[in-house]
Amino acid sequence: MAIYFADHAAPSAGTVVMPTGDTRVRVRRLLVTTAANGVVRLKQNPGPQEVLLTPSLQARAAGPPMDLSFTREYPQTEVEASLGYVTEIDGPHSIWIEYELVR
Protein backbone atom coordinates (compact mmCIF):
# COMPACT_ATOMS: atom_id res chain seq x y z
CA MET A 1 0.00 0.00 0.00
CA ALA A 2 1.23 3.49 -0.84
CA ILE A 3 -0.04 6.99 -0.16
CA TYR A 4 -0.18 10.15 -2.27
CA PHE A 5 -0.85 13.50 -0.59
CA ALA A 6 -1.03 17.03 -2.00
CA ASP A 7 -2.25 20.46 -0.86
CA HIS A 8 -3.72 22.82 -3.45
CA ALA A 9 -4.84 26.45 -3.36
CA ALA A 10 -6.91 26.35 -6.56
CA PRO A 11 -8.21 23.86 -9.17
CA SER A 12 -5.45 21.35 -9.90
CA ALA A 13 -4.49 18.15 -11.66
CA GLY A 14 -1.78 15.65 -10.92
CA THR A 15 -0.34 12.26 -11.68
CA VAL A 16 -0.27 10.00 -8.63
CA VAL A 17 1.79 7.08 -9.93
CA MET A 18 2.94 5.40 -13.13
CA PRO A 19 3.16 1.62 -12.69
CA THR A 20 5.86 -0.49 -14.28
CA GLY A 21 5.72 -3.93 -15.83
CA ASP A 22 2.39 -5.69 -16.02
CA THR A 23 0.80 -4.00 -13.02
CA ARG A 24 -2.20 -1.77 -12.59
CA VAL A 25 -3.04 0.81 -9.93
CA ARG A 26 -5.94 0.04 -7.60
CA VAL A 27 -7.33 2.85 -5.43
CA ARG A 28 -8.22 1.85 -1.88
CA ARG A 29 -9.16 5.20 -0.32
CA LEU A 30 -9.79 8.79 -1.38
CA LEU A 31 -9.91 11.54 1.22
CA VAL A 32 -10.57 15.19 0.31
CA THR A 33 -10.69 18.12 2.73
CA THR A 34 -11.74 21.46 1.36
CA ALA A 35 -12.61 25.05 2.26
CA ALA A 36 -14.87 25.39 -0.81
CA ASN A 37 -17.36 23.21 -2.67
CA GLY A 38 -16.17 21.48 -5.81
CA VAL A 39 -15.58 18.33 -7.82
CA VAL A 40 -12.87 15.66 -7.81
CA ARG A 41 -12.34 13.02 -10.52
CA LEU A 42 -9.89 10.13 -10.67
CA LYS A 43 -8.40 9.52 -14.11
CA GLN A 44 -6.34 7.00 -16.00
CA ASN A 45 -3.50 8.39 -18.16
CA PRO A 46 -4.14 12.12 -17.52
CA GLY A 47 -3.75 14.09 -20.74
CA PRO A 48 -4.96 13.57 -24.31
CA GLN A 49 -5.57 9.82 -23.84
CA GLU A 50 -7.23 10.05 -20.42
CA VAL A 51 -10.12 7.92 -19.26
CA LEU A 52 -12.31 8.76 -16.26
CA LEU A 53 -12.15 6.15 -13.50
CA THR A 54 -14.86 7.76 -11.37
CA PRO A 55 -17.78 10.05 -11.98
CA SER A 56 -17.62 13.57 -10.59
CA LEU A 57 -17.31 13.27 -6.82
CA GLN A 58 -18.73 16.24 -4.91
CA ALA A 59 -16.50 17.63 -2.15
CA ARG A 60 -18.24 19.99 0.26
CA ALA A 61 -16.83 22.63 2.61
CA ALA A 62 -19.60 22.12 5.17
CA GLY A 63 -19.59 18.90 7.15
CA PRO A 64 -16.99 16.13 7.33
CA PRO A 65 -14.30 15.57 4.68
CA MET A 66 -15.06 13.33 1.71
CA ASP A 67 -13.73 9.93 2.80
CA LEU A 68 -14.36 7.06 0.38
CA SER A 69 -13.04 3.52 0.87
CA PHE A 70 -12.90 1.04 -2.00
CA THR A 71 -12.70 -2.64 -1.07
CA ARG A 72 -12.87 -4.27 -4.49
CA GLU A 73 -11.40 -3.82 -7.96
CA TYR A 74 -12.93 -0.39 -8.55
CA PRO A 75 -11.50 2.09 -9.27
CA GLN A 76 -8.37 0.77 -10.94
CA THR A 77 -6.34 1.50 -14.05
CA GLU A 78 -5.62 -0.78 -16.97
CA VAL A 79 -2.25 -2.55 -17.04
CA GLU A 80 0.67 -0.08 -17.31
CA ALA A 81 -1.64 2.97 -17.16
CA SER A 82 -0.99 5.87 -14.79
CA LEU A 83 -3.34 7.11 -12.08
CA GLY A 84 -4.14 10.80 -11.88
CA TYR A 85 -6.79 13.20 -10.70
CA VAL A 86 -8.31 16.58 -11.33
CA THR A 87 -9.91 18.92 -8.80
CA GLU A 88 -12.32 21.69 -9.66
CA ILE A 89 -12.32 23.42 -6.30
CA ASP A 90 -11.89 27.20 -6.08
CA GLY A 91 -10.13 27.33 -2.74
CA PRO A 92 -7.69 25.53 -0.48
CA HIS A 93 -8.04 21.74 -0.48
CA SER A 94 -6.05 18.60 0.19
CA ILE A 95 -6.19 15.23 -1.50
CA TRP A 96 -5.06 11.91 0.02
CA ILE A 97 -5.08 8.75 -2.11
CA GLU A 98 -4.21 5.29 -0.81
CA TYR A 99 -3.40 2.86 -3.62
CA GLU A 100 -1.62 -0.38 -4.41
CA LEU A 101 0.02 -1.88 -7.48
CA VAL A 102 -1.54 -5.21 -8.44
CA ARG A 103 -1.10 -7.83 -11.16
PDB file of N, CA and C in Angstrom:
ATOM      1  N   MET A   1       0.854  -1.169   0.000  1.00  0.00           N
ATOM      2  CA  MET A   1       0.000   0.000   0.000  1.00  0.00           C
ATOM      3  C   MET A   1       0.898   1.229   0.000  1.00  0.00           C
ATOM      4  N   ALA A   2       0.498   2.228  -0.759  1.00  0.00           N
ATOM      5  CA  ALA A   2       1.235   3.489  -0.842  1.00  0.00           C
ATOM      6  C   ALA A   2       0.244   4.636  -0.683  1.00  0.00           C
ATOM      7  N   ILE A   3       0.786   5.808  -0.391  1.00  0.00           N
ATOM      8  CA  ILE A   3      -0.042   6.990  -0.161  1.00  0.00           C
ATOM      9  C   ILE A   3       0.471   8.151  -1.002  1.00  0.00           C
ATOM     10  N   TYR A   4      -0.465   8.903  -1.570  1.00  0.00           N
ATOM     11  CA  TYR A   4      -0.175  10.146  -2.271  1.00  0.00           C
ATOM     12  C   TYR A   4      -0.913  11.245  -1.514  1.00  0.00           C
ATOM     13  N   PHE A   5      -0.230  12.371  -1.280  1.00  0.00           N
ATOM     14  CA  PHE A   5      -0.854  13.503  -0.594  1.00  0.00           C
ATOM     15  C   PHE A   5      -0.417  14.785  -1.261  1.00  0.00           C
ATOM     16  N   ALA A   6      -1.366  15.719  -1.436  1.00  0.00           N
ATOM     17  CA  ALA A   6      -1.034  17.035  -1.996  1.00  0.00           C
ATOM     18  C   ALA A   6      -1.992  18.081  -1.453  1.00  0.00           C
ATOM     19  N   ASP A   7      -1.457  19.280  -1.216  1.00  0.00           N
ATOM     20  CA  ASP A   7      -2.246  20.461  -0.861  1.00  0.00           C
ATOM     21  C   ASP A   7      -2.347  21.339  -2.094  1.00  0.00           C
ATOM     22  N   HIS A   8      -3.515  21.929  -2.316  1.00  0.00           N
ATOM     23  CA  HIS A   8      -3.723  22.820  -3.454  1.00  0.00           C
ATOM     24  C   HIS A   8      -4.433  24.085  -2.981  1.00  0.00           C
ATOM     25  N   ALA A   9      -4.190  25.183  -3.675  1.00  0.00           N
ATOM     26  CA  ALA A   9      -4.843  26.448  -3.360  1.00  0.00           C
ATOM     27  C   ALA A   9      -5.936  26.798  -4.364  1.00  0.00           C
ATOM     28  N   ALA A  10      -5.978  26.073  -5.480  1.00  0.00           N
ATOM     29  CA  ALA A  10      -6.914  26.346  -6.562  1.00  0.00           C
ATOM     30  C   ALA A  10      -7.139  25.050  -7.351  1.00  0.00           C
ATOM     31  N   PRO A  11      -8.008  25.068  -8.370  1.00  0.00           N
ATOM     32  CA  PRO A  11      -8.207  23.859  -9.170  1.00  0.00           C
ATOM     33  C   PRO A  11      -6.863  23.304  -9.650  1.00  0.00           C
ATOM     34  N   SER A  12      -6.733  21.984  -9.602  1.00  0.00           N
ATOM     35  CA  SER A  12      -5.447  21.351  -9.905  1.00  0.00           C
ATOM     36  C   SER A  12      -5.633  20.006 -10.572  1.00  0.00           C
ATOM     37  N   ALA A  13      -4.543  19.502 -11.095  1.00  0.00           N
ATOM     38  CA  ALA A  13      -4.492  18.153 -11.657  1.00  0.00           C
ATOM     39  C   ALA A  13      -3.131  17.576 -11.320  1.00  0.00           C
ATOM     40  N   GLY A  14      -3.060  16.273 -11.232  1.00  0.00           N
ATOM     41  CA  GLY A  14      -1.783  15.653 -10.916  1.00  0.00           C
ATOM     42  C   GLY A  14      -1.759  14.192 -11.313  1.00  0.00           C
ATOM     43  N   THR A  15      -0.551  13.682 -11.463  1.00  0.00           N
ATOM     44  CA  THR A  15      -0.339  12.260 -11.680  1.00  0.00           C
ATOM     45  C   THR A  15       0.115  11.666 -10.363  1.00  0.00           C
ATOM     46  N   VAL A  16      -0.564  10.638  -9.911  1.00  0.00           N
ATOM     47  CA  VAL A  16      -0.267  10.002  -8.635  1.00  0.00           C
ATOM     48  C   VAL A  16       0.877   9.018  -8.788  1.00  0.00           C
ATOM     49  N   VAL A  17       0.766   8.115  -9.746  1.00  0.00           N
ATOM     50  CA  VAL A  17       1.790   7.085  -9.933  1.00  0.00           C
ATOM     51  C   VAL A  17       1.698   6.512 -11.340  1.00  0.00           C
ATOM     52  N   MET A  18       2.847   6.083 -11.859  1.00  0.00           N
ATOM     53  CA  MET A  18       2.939   5.397 -13.133  1.00  0.00           C
ATOM     54  C   MET A  18       3.487   4.008 -12.850  1.00  0.00           C
ATOM     55  N   PRO A  19       2.677   2.963 -12.991  1.00  0.00           N
ATOM     56  CA  PRO A  19       3.158   1.617 -12.689  1.00  0.00           C
ATOM     57  C   PRO A  19       4.156   1.130 -13.732  1.00  0.00           C
ATOM     58  N   THR A  20       4.902   0.110 -13.361  1.00  0.00           N
ATOM     59  CA  THR A  20       5.857  -0.494 -14.281  1.00  0.00           C
ATOM     60  C   THR A  20       5.503  -1.959 -14.480  1.00  0.00           C
ATOM     61  N   GLY A  21       5.990  -2.519 -15.567  1.00  0.00           N
ATOM     62  CA  GLY A  21       5.719  -3.927 -15.831  1.00  0.00           C
ATOM     63  C   GLY A  21       4.256  -4.170 -16.123  1.00  0.00           C
ATOM     64  N   ASP A  22       3.780  -5.315 -15.726  1.00  0.00           N
ATOM     65  CA  ASP A  22       2.395  -5.695 -16.020  1.00  0.00           C
ATOM     66  C   ASP A  22       1.491  -5.478 -14.812  1.00  0.00           C
ATOM     67  N   THR A  23       1.623  -4.311 -14.183  1.00  0.00           N
ATOM     68  CA  THR A  23       0.798  -3.998 -13.020  1.00  0.00           C
ATOM     69  C   THR A  23      -0.224  -2.919 -13.346  1.00  0.00           C
ATOM     70  N   ARG A  24      -1.199  -2.822 -12.505  1.00  0.00           N
ATOM     71  CA  ARG A  24      -2.200  -1.765 -12.590  1.00  0.00           C
ATOM     72  C   ARG A  24      -2.298  -1.103 -11.224  1.00  0.00           C
ATOM     73  N   VAL A  25      -2.893   0.072 -11.172  1.00  0.00           N
ATOM     74  CA  VAL A  25      -3.038   0.814  -9.928  1.00  0.00           C
ATOM     75  C   VAL A  25      -4.476   0.656  -9.440  1.00  0.00           C
ATOM     76  N   ARG A  26      -4.623   0.205  -8.201  1.00  0.00           N
ATOM     77  CA  ARG A  26      -5.943   0.043  -7.597  1.00  0.00           C
ATOM     78  C   ARG A  26      -6.075   1.026  -6.437  1.00  0.00           C
ATOM     79  N   VAL A  27      -7.093   1.861  -6.484  1.00  0.00           N
ATOM     80  CA  VAL A  27      -7.335   2.851  -5.433  1.00  0.00           C
ATOM     81  C   VAL A  27      -8.078   2.187  -4.284  1.00  0.00           C
ATOM     82  N   ARG A  28      -7.592   2.420  -3.074  1.00  0.00           N
ATOM     83  CA  ARG A  28      -8.224   1.852  -1.875  1.00  0.00           C
ATOM     84  C   ARG A  28      -8.975   2.901  -1.061  1.00  0.00           C
ATOM     85  N   ARG A  29      -8.498   4.153  -1.110  1.00  0.00           N
ATOM     86  CA  ARG A  29      -9.159   5.198  -0.321  1.00  0.00           C
ATOM     87  C   ARG A  29      -8.900   6.553  -0.955  1.00  0.00           C
ATOM     88  N   LEU A  30      -9.897   7.409  -0.916  1.00  0.00           N
ATOM     89  CA  LEU A  30      -9.790   8.788  -1.382  1.00  0.00           C
ATOM     90  C   LEU A  30     -10.338   9.673  -0.272  1.00  0.00           C
ATOM     91  N   LEU A  31      -9.525  10.608   0.162  1.00  0.00           N
ATOM     92  CA  LEU A  31      -9.906  11.539   1.223  1.00  0.00           C
ATOM     93  C   LEU A  31      -9.655  12.952   0.710  1.00  0.00           C
ATOM     94  N   VAL A  32     -10.679  13.806   0.767  1.00  0.00           N
ATOM     95  CA  VAL A  32     -10.567  15.186   0.312  1.00  0.00           C
ATOM     96  C   VAL A  32     -11.090  16.108   1.404  1.00  0.00           C
ATOM     97  N   THR A  33     -10.253  17.060   1.819  1.00  0.00           N
ATOM     98  CA  THR A  33     -10.690  18.118   2.726  1.00  0.00           C
ATOM     99  C   THR A  33     -10.660  19.419   1.941  1.00  0.00           C
ATOM    100  N   THR A  34     -11.637  20.267   2.175  1.00  0.00           N
ATOM    101  CA  THR A  34     -11.736  21.464   1.359  1.00  0.00           C
ATOM    102  C   THR A  34     -12.378  22.623   2.117  1.00  0.00           C
ATOM    103  N   ALA A  35     -12.010  23.833   1.706  1.00  0.00           N
ATOM    104  CA  ALA A  35     -12.607  25.046   2.256  1.00  0.00           C
ATOM    105  C   ALA A  35     -13.662  25.616   1.307  1.00  0.00           C
ATOM    106  N   ALA A  36     -13.885  24.950   0.180  1.00  0.00           N
ATOM    107  CA  ALA A  36     -14.871  25.389  -0.806  1.00  0.00           C
ATOM    108  C   ALA A  36     -15.498  24.164  -1.471  1.00  0.00           C
ATOM    109  N   ASN A  37     -16.707  24.306  -1.959  1.00  0.00           N
ATOM    110  CA  ASN A  37     -17.363  23.208  -2.667  1.00  0.00           C
ATOM    111  C   ASN A  37     -16.715  23.005  -4.030  1.00  0.00           C
ATOM    112  N   GLY A  38     -16.720  21.756  -4.496  1.00  0.00           N
ATOM    113  CA  GLY A  38     -16.165  21.481  -5.809  1.00  0.00           C
ATOM    114  C   GLY A  38     -16.216  20.008  -6.161  1.00  0.00           C
ATOM    115  N   VAL A  39     -15.530  19.670  -7.242  1.00  0.00           N
ATOM    116  CA  VAL A  39     -15.583  18.329  -7.821  1.00  0.00           C
ATOM    117  C   VAL A  39     -14.183  17.730  -7.882  1.00  0.00           C
ATOM    118  N   VAL A  40     -14.109  16.417  -7.658  1.00  0.00           N
ATOM    119  CA  VAL A  40     -12.870  15.658  -7.805  1.00  0.00           C
ATOM    120  C   VAL A  40     -13.160  14.483  -8.732  1.00  0.00           C
ATOM    121  N   ARG A  41     -12.228  14.180  -9.634  1.00  0.00           N
ATOM    122  CA  ARG A  41     -12.345  13.017 -10.520  1.00  0.00           C
ATOM    123  C   ARG A  41     -11.016  12.271 -10.533  1.00  0.00           C
ATOM    124  N   LEU A  42     -11.078  10.955 -10.476  1.00  0.00           N
ATOM    125  CA  LEU A  42      -9.886  10.133 -10.673  1.00  0.00           C
ATOM    126  C   LEU A  42      -9.816   9.761 -12.140  1.00  0.00           C
ATOM    127  N   LYS A  43      -8.581   9.759 -12.689  1.00  0.00           N
ATOM    128  CA  LYS A  43      -8.397   9.520 -14.115  1.00  0.00           C
ATOM    129  C   LYS A  43      -7.293   8.502 -14.364  1.00  0.00           C
ATOM    130  N   GLN A  44      -7.392   7.876 -15.502  1.00  0.00           N
ATOM    131  CA  GLN A  44      -6.341   6.997 -16.001  1.00  0.00           C
ATOM    132  C   GLN A  44      -5.630   7.734 -17.122  1.00  0.00           C
ATOM    133  N   ASN A  45      -4.307   7.728 -17.125  1.00  0.00           N
ATOM    134  CA  ASN A  45      -3.497   8.390 -18.157  1.00  0.00           C
ATOM    135  C   ASN A  45      -3.912   9.847 -18.375  1.00  0.00           C
ATOM    136  N   PRO A  46      -3.764  10.710 -17.354  1.00  0.00           N
ATOM    137  CA  PRO A  46      -4.144  12.118 -17.521  1.00  0.00           C
ATOM    138  C   PRO A  46      -3.489  12.723 -18.771  1.00  0.00           C
ATOM    139  N   GLY A  47      -4.259  13.479 -19.516  1.00  0.00           N
ATOM    140  CA  GLY A  47      -3.750  14.093 -20.740  1.00  0.00           C
ATOM    141  C   GLY A  47      -4.662  13.768 -21.908  1.00  0.00           C
ATOM    142  N   PRO A  48      -4.121  13.785 -23.126  1.00  0.00           N
ATOM    143  CA  PRO A  48      -4.957  13.574 -24.313  1.00  0.00           C
ATOM    144  C   PRO A  48      -5.626  12.201 -24.387  1.00  0.00           C
ATOM    145  N   GLN A  49      -5.019  11.180 -23.786  1.00  0.00           N
ATOM    146  CA  GLN A  49      -5.565   9.817 -23.844  1.00  0.00           C
ATOM    147  C   GLN A  49      -6.271   9.410 -22.556  1.00  0.00           C
ATOM    148  N   GLU A  50      -6.677  10.382 -21.738  1.00  0.00           N
ATOM    149  CA  GLU A  50      -7.230  10.053 -20.422  1.00  0.00           C
ATOM    150  C   GLU A  50      -8.592   9.375 -20.496  1.00  0.00           C
ATOM    151  N   VAL A  51      -8.849   8.608 -19.443  1.00  0.00           N
ATOM    152  CA  VAL A  51     -10.123   7.917 -19.264  1.00  0.00           C
ATOM    153  C   VAL A  51     -10.554   8.173 -17.825  1.00  0.00           C
ATOM    154  N   LEU A  52     -11.811   8.550 -17.615  1.00  0.00           N
ATOM    155  CA  LEU A  52     -12.313   8.760 -16.261  1.00  0.00           C
ATOM    156  C   LEU A  52     -12.470   7.419 -15.553  1.00  0.00           C
ATOM    157  N   LEU A  53     -11.981   7.353 -14.320  1.00  0.00           N
ATOM    158  CA  LEU A  53     -12.148   6.154 -13.498  1.00  0.00           C
ATOM    159  C   LEU A  53     -13.324   6.282 -12.545  1.00  0.00           C
ATOM    160  N   THR A  54     -13.713   7.514 -12.233  1.00  0.00           N
ATOM    161  CA  THR A  54     -14.863   7.759 -11.365  1.00  0.00           C
ATOM    162  C   THR A  54     -15.725   8.848 -11.980  1.00  0.00           C
ATOM    163  N   PRO A  55     -16.968   8.885 -11.600  1.00  0.00           N
ATOM    164  CA  PRO A  55     -17.777  10.045 -11.981  1.00  0.00           C
ATOM    165  C   PRO A  55     -17.319  11.251 -11.177  1.00  0.00           C
ATOM    166  N   SER A  56     -17.925  12.374 -11.380  1.00  0.00           N
ATOM    167  CA  SER A  56     -17.618  13.571 -10.595  1.00  0.00           C
ATOM    168  C   SER A  56     -18.026  13.329  -9.148  1.00  0.00           C
ATOM    169  N   LEU A  57     -17.063  13.467  -8.247  1.00  0.00           N
ATOM    170  CA  LEU A  57     -17.306  13.269  -6.819  1.00  0.00           C
ATOM    171  C   LEU A  57     -17.389  14.644  -6.169  1.00  0.00           C
ATOM    172  N   GLN A  58     -18.476  14.922  -5.488  1.00  0.00           N
ATOM    173  CA  GLN A  58     -18.732  16.236  -4.910  1.00  0.00           C
ATOM    174  C   GLN A  58     -18.064  16.375  -3.541  1.00  0.00           C
ATOM    175  N   ALA A  59     -17.136  17.304  -3.430  1.00  0.00           N
ATOM    176  CA  ALA A  59     -16.497  17.630  -2.154  1.00  0.00           C
ATOM    177  C   ALA A  59     -17.174  18.886  -1.612  1.00  0.00           C
ATOM    178  N   ARG A  60     -17.511  18.880  -0.342  1.00  0.00           N
ATOM    179  CA  ARG A  60     -18.243  19.991   0.258  1.00  0.00           C
ATOM    180  C   ARG A  60     -17.463  20.591   1.416  1.00  0.00           C
ATOM    181  N   ALA A  61     -17.522  21.908   1.531  1.00  0.00           N
ATOM    182  CA  ALA A  61     -16.832  22.626   2.605  1.00  0.00           C
ATOM    183  C   ALA A  61     -17.528  22.397   3.946  1.00  0.00           C
ATOM    184  N   ALA A  62     -18.845  22.313   3.935  1.00  0.00           N
ATOM    185  CA  ALA A  62     -19.599  22.118   5.172  1.00  0.00           C
ATOM    186  C   ALA A  62     -19.656  20.627   5.498  1.00  0.00           C
ATOM    187  N   GLY A  63     -19.508  20.300   6.741  1.00  0.00           N
ATOM    188  CA  GLY A  63     -19.594  18.905   7.147  1.00  0.00           C
ATOM    189  C   GLY A  63     -18.244  18.220   7.136  1.00  0.00           C
ATOM    190  N   PRO A  64     -18.251  16.888   7.266  1.00  0.00           N
ATOM    191  CA  PRO A  64     -16.991  16.134   7.334  1.00  0.00           C
ATOM    192  C   PRO A  64     -16.297  16.062   5.969  1.00  0.00           C
ATOM    193  N   PRO A  65     -15.015  15.737   5.950  1.00  0.00           N
ATOM    194  CA  PRO A  65     -14.300  15.568   4.679  1.00  0.00           C
ATOM    195  C   PRO A  65     -14.903  14.424   3.865  1.00  0.00           C
ATOM    196  N   MET A  66     -14.684  14.451   2.547  1.00  0.00           N
ATOM    197  CA  MET A  66     -15.064  13.326   1.709  1.00  0.00           C
ATOM    198  C   MET A  66     -14.080  12.201   2.013  1.00  0.00           C
ATOM    199  N   ASP A  67     -14.575  11.060   2.439  1.00  0.00           N
ATOM    200  CA  ASP A  67     -13.730   9.927   2.799  1.00  0.00           C
ATOM    201  C   ASP A  67     -14.353   8.668   2.211  1.00  0.00           C
ATOM    202  N   LEU A  68     -13.809   8.218   1.078  1.00  0.00           N
ATOM    203  CA  LEU A  68     -14.357   7.058   0.378  1.00  0.00           C
ATOM    204  C   LEU A  68     -13.374   5.897   0.442  1.00  0.00           C
ATOM    205  N   SER A  69     -13.856   4.734   0.854  1.00  0.00           N
ATOM    206  CA  SER A  69     -13.041   3.519   0.869  1.00  0.00           C
ATOM    207  C   SER A  69     -13.527   2.597  -0.240  1.00  0.00           C
ATOM    208  N   PHE A  70     -12.584   1.959  -0.914  1.00  0.00           N
ATOM    209  CA  PHE A  70     -12.898   1.036  -2.000  1.00  0.00           C
ATOM    210  C   PHE A  70     -12.312  -0.327  -1.631  1.00  0.00           C
ATOM    211  N   THR A  71     -13.148  -1.333  -1.534  1.00  0.00           N
ATOM    212  CA  THR A  71     -12.698  -2.640  -1.068  1.00  0.00           C
ATOM    213  C   THR A  71     -12.564  -3.670  -2.179  1.00  0.00           C
ATOM    214  N   ARG A  72     -12.933  -3.314  -3.387  1.00  0.00           N
ATOM    215  CA  ARG A  72     -12.874  -4.274  -4.487  1.00  0.00           C
ATOM    216  C   ARG A  72     -11.975  -3.755  -5.603  1.00  0.00           C
ATOM    217  N   GLU A  73     -12.253  -4.156  -6.820  1.00  0.00           N
ATOM    218  CA  GLU A  73     -11.401  -3.817  -7.960  1.00  0.00           C
ATOM    219  C   GLU A  73     -11.769  -2.504  -8.635  1.00  0.00           C
ATOM    220  N   TYR A  74     -12.537  -1.670  -7.974  1.00  0.00           N
ATOM    221  CA  TYR A  74     -12.929  -0.390  -8.553  1.00  0.00           C
ATOM    222  C   TYR A  74     -12.609   0.702  -7.547  1.00  0.00           C
ATOM    223  N   PRO A  75     -12.042   1.791  -7.943  1.00  0.00           N
ATOM    224  CA  PRO A  75     -11.504   2.090  -9.273  1.00  0.00           C
ATOM    225  C   PRO A  75     -10.074   1.580  -9.432  1.00  0.00           C
ATOM    226  N   GLN A  76      -9.734   1.184 -10.637  1.00  0.00           N
ATOM    227  CA  GLN A  76      -8.373   0.767 -10.937  1.00  0.00           C
ATOM    228  C   GLN A  76      -8.064   1.065 -12.400  1.00  0.00           C
ATOM    229  N   THR A  77      -6.777   1.214 -12.692  1.00  0.00           N
ATOM    230  CA  THR A  77      -6.344   1.500 -14.054  1.00  0.00           C
ATOM    231  C   THR A  77      -6.189   0.210 -14.839  1.00  0.00           C
ATOM    232  N   GLU A  78      -6.012   0.346 -16.119  1.00  0.00           N
ATOM    233  CA  GLU A  78      -5.624  -0.782 -16.966  1.00  0.00           C
ATOM    234  C   GLU A  78      -4.152  -1.074 -16.700  1.00  0.00           C
ATOM    235  N   VAL A  79      -3.656  -2.173 -17.206  1.00  0.00           N
ATOM    236  CA  VAL A  79      -2.251  -2.545 -17.043  1.00  0.00           C
ATOM    237  C   VAL A  79      -1.362  -1.464 -17.652  1.00  0.00           C
ATOM    238  N   GLU A  80      -0.335  -1.063 -16.906  1.00  0.00           N
ATOM    239  CA  GLU A  80       0.673  -0.077 -17.308  1.00  0.00           C
ATOM    240  C   GLU A  80       0.109   1.322 -17.560  1.00  0.00           C
ATOM    241  N   ALA A  81      -1.055   1.635 -17.015  1.00  0.00           N
ATOM    242  CA  ALA A  81      -1.637   2.972 -17.158  1.00  0.00           C
ATOM    243  C   ALA A  81      -1.439   3.749 -15.859  1.00  0.00           C
ATOM    244  N   SER A  82      -1.223   5.041 -15.976  1.00  0.00           N
ATOM    245  CA  SER A  82      -0.989   5.868 -14.790  1.00  0.00           C
ATOM    246  C   SER A  82      -2.308   6.264 -14.131  1.00  0.00           C
ATOM    247  N   LEU A  83      -2.202   6.610 -12.850  1.00  0.00           N
ATOM    248  CA  LEU A  83      -3.341   7.108 -12.084  1.00  0.00           C
ATOM    249  C   LEU A  83      -3.150   8.593 -11.859  1.00  0.00           C
ATOM    250  N   GLY A  84      -4.192   9.360 -12.114  1.00  0.00           N
ATOM    251  CA  GLY A  84      -4.142  10.797 -11.883  1.00  0.00           C
ATOM    252  C   GLY A  84      -5.477  11.298 -11.369  1.00  0.00           C
ATOM    253  N   TYR A  85      -5.569  12.598 -11.206  1.00  0.00           N
ATOM    254  CA  TYR A  85      -6.794  13.204 -10.699  1.00  0.00           C
ATOM    255  C   TYR A  85      -6.890  14.633 -11.192  1.00  0.00           C
ATOM    256  N   VAL A  86      -8.085  15.176 -11.075  1.00  0.00           N
ATOM    257  CA  VAL A  86      -8.314  16.584 -11.333  1.00  0.00           C
ATOM    258  C   VAL A  86      -9.270  17.086 -10.257  1.00  0.00           C
ATOM    259  N   THR A  87      -9.006  18.290  -9.757  1.00  0.00           N
ATOM    260  CA  THR A  87      -9.911  18.920  -8.801  1.00  0.00           C
ATOM    261  C   THR A  87     -10.430  20.209  -9.412  1.00  0.00           C
ATOM    262  N   GLU A  88     -11.691  20.435  -9.245  1.00  0.00           N
ATOM    263  CA  GLU A  88     -12.323  21.692  -9.661  1.00  0.00           C
ATOM    264  C   GLU A  88     -12.890  22.338  -8.404  1.00  0.00           C
ATOM    265  N   ILE A  89     -11.968  22.817  -7.579  1.00  0.00           N
ATOM    266  CA  ILE A  89     -12.319  23.420  -6.298  1.00  0.00           C
ATOM    267  C   ILE A  89     -11.641  24.779  -6.215  1.00  0.00           C
ATOM    268  N   ASP A  90     -12.423  25.838  -6.126  1.00  0.00           N
ATOM    269  CA  ASP A  90     -11.886  27.203  -6.079  1.00  0.00           C
ATOM    270  C   ASP A  90     -11.574  27.599  -4.644  1.00  0.00           C
ATOM    271  N   GLY A  91     -10.545  27.033  -4.095  1.00  0.00           N
ATOM    272  CA  GLY A  91     -10.131  27.334  -2.736  1.00  0.00           C
ATOM    273  C   GLY A  91      -9.157  26.291  -2.235  1.00  0.00           C
ATOM    274  N   PRO A  92      -8.644  26.488  -1.039  1.00  0.00           N
ATOM    275  CA  PRO A  92      -7.691  25.528  -0.482  1.00  0.00           C
ATOM    276  C   PRO A  92      -8.328  24.145  -0.300  1.00  0.00           C
ATOM    277  N   HIS A  93      -7.575  23.117  -0.679  1.00  0.00           N
ATOM    278  CA  HIS A  93      -8.041  21.745  -0.484  1.00  0.00           C
ATOM    279  C   HIS A  93      -6.850  20.788  -0.487  1.00  0.00           C
ATOM    280  N   SER A  94      -7.070  19.642   0.113  1.00  0.00           N
ATOM    281  CA  SER A  94      -6.049  18.595   0.185  1.00  0.00           C
ATOM    282  C   SER A  94      -6.634  17.303  -0.348  1.00  0.00           C
ATOM    283  N   ILE A  95      -5.763  16.520  -0.972  1.00  0.00           N
ATOM    284  CA  ILE A  95      -6.189  15.231  -1.499  1.00  0.00           C
ATOM    285  C   ILE A  95      -5.237  14.150  -0.990  1.00  0.00           C
ATOM    286  N   TRP A  96      -5.796  13.062  -0.517  1.00  0.00           N
ATOM    287  CA  TRP A  96      -5.061  11.913   0.019  1.00  0.00           C
ATOM    288  C   TRP A  96      -5.580  10.694  -0.730  1.00  0.00           C
ATOM    289  N   ILE A  97      -4.685   9.948  -1.369  1.00  0.00           N
ATOM    290  CA  ILE A  97      -5.080   8.749  -2.108  1.00  0.00           C
ATOM    291  C   ILE A  97      -4.229   7.581  -1.620  1.00  0.00           C
ATOM    292  N   GLU A  98      -4.884   6.533  -1.146  1.00  0.00           N
ATOM    293  CA  GLU A  98      -4.207   5.287  -0.812  1.00  0.00           C
ATOM    294  C   GLU A  98      -4.402   4.339  -1.979  1.00  0.00           C
ATOM    295  N   TYR A  99      -3.320   3.728  -2.446  1.00  0.00           N
ATOM    296  CA  TYR A  99      -3.397   2.859  -3.618  1.00  0.00           C
ATOM    297  C   TYR A  99      -2.413   1.712  -3.479  1.00  0.00           C
ATOM    298  N   GLU A 100      -2.566   0.726  -4.350  1.00  0.00           N
ATOM    299  CA  GLU A 100      -1.624  -0.384  -4.413  1.00  0.00           C
ATOM    300  C   GLU A 100      -1.429  -0.777  -5.871  1.00  0.00           C
ATOM    301  N   LEU A 101      -0.265  -1.335  -6.150  1.00  0.00           N
ATOM    302  CA  LEU A 101       0.016  -1.877  -7.483  1.00  0.00           C
ATOM    303  C   LEU A 101      -0.304  -3.362  -7.454  1.00  0.00           C
ATOM    304  N   VAL A 102      -1.111  -3.816  -8.412  1.00  0.00           N
ATOM    305  CA  VAL A 102      -1.545  -5.207  -8.444  1.00  0.00           C
ATOM    306  C   VAL A 102      -1.322  -5.800  -9.827  1.00  0.00           C
ATOM    307  N   ARG A 103      -1.256  -7.100  -9.873  1.00  0.00           N
ATOM    308  CA  ARG A 103      -1.102  -7.828 -11.155  1.00  0.00           C
ATOM    309  C   ARG A 103      -2.433  -8.332 -11.631  1.00  0.00           C
TER     310      ARG A 103
END
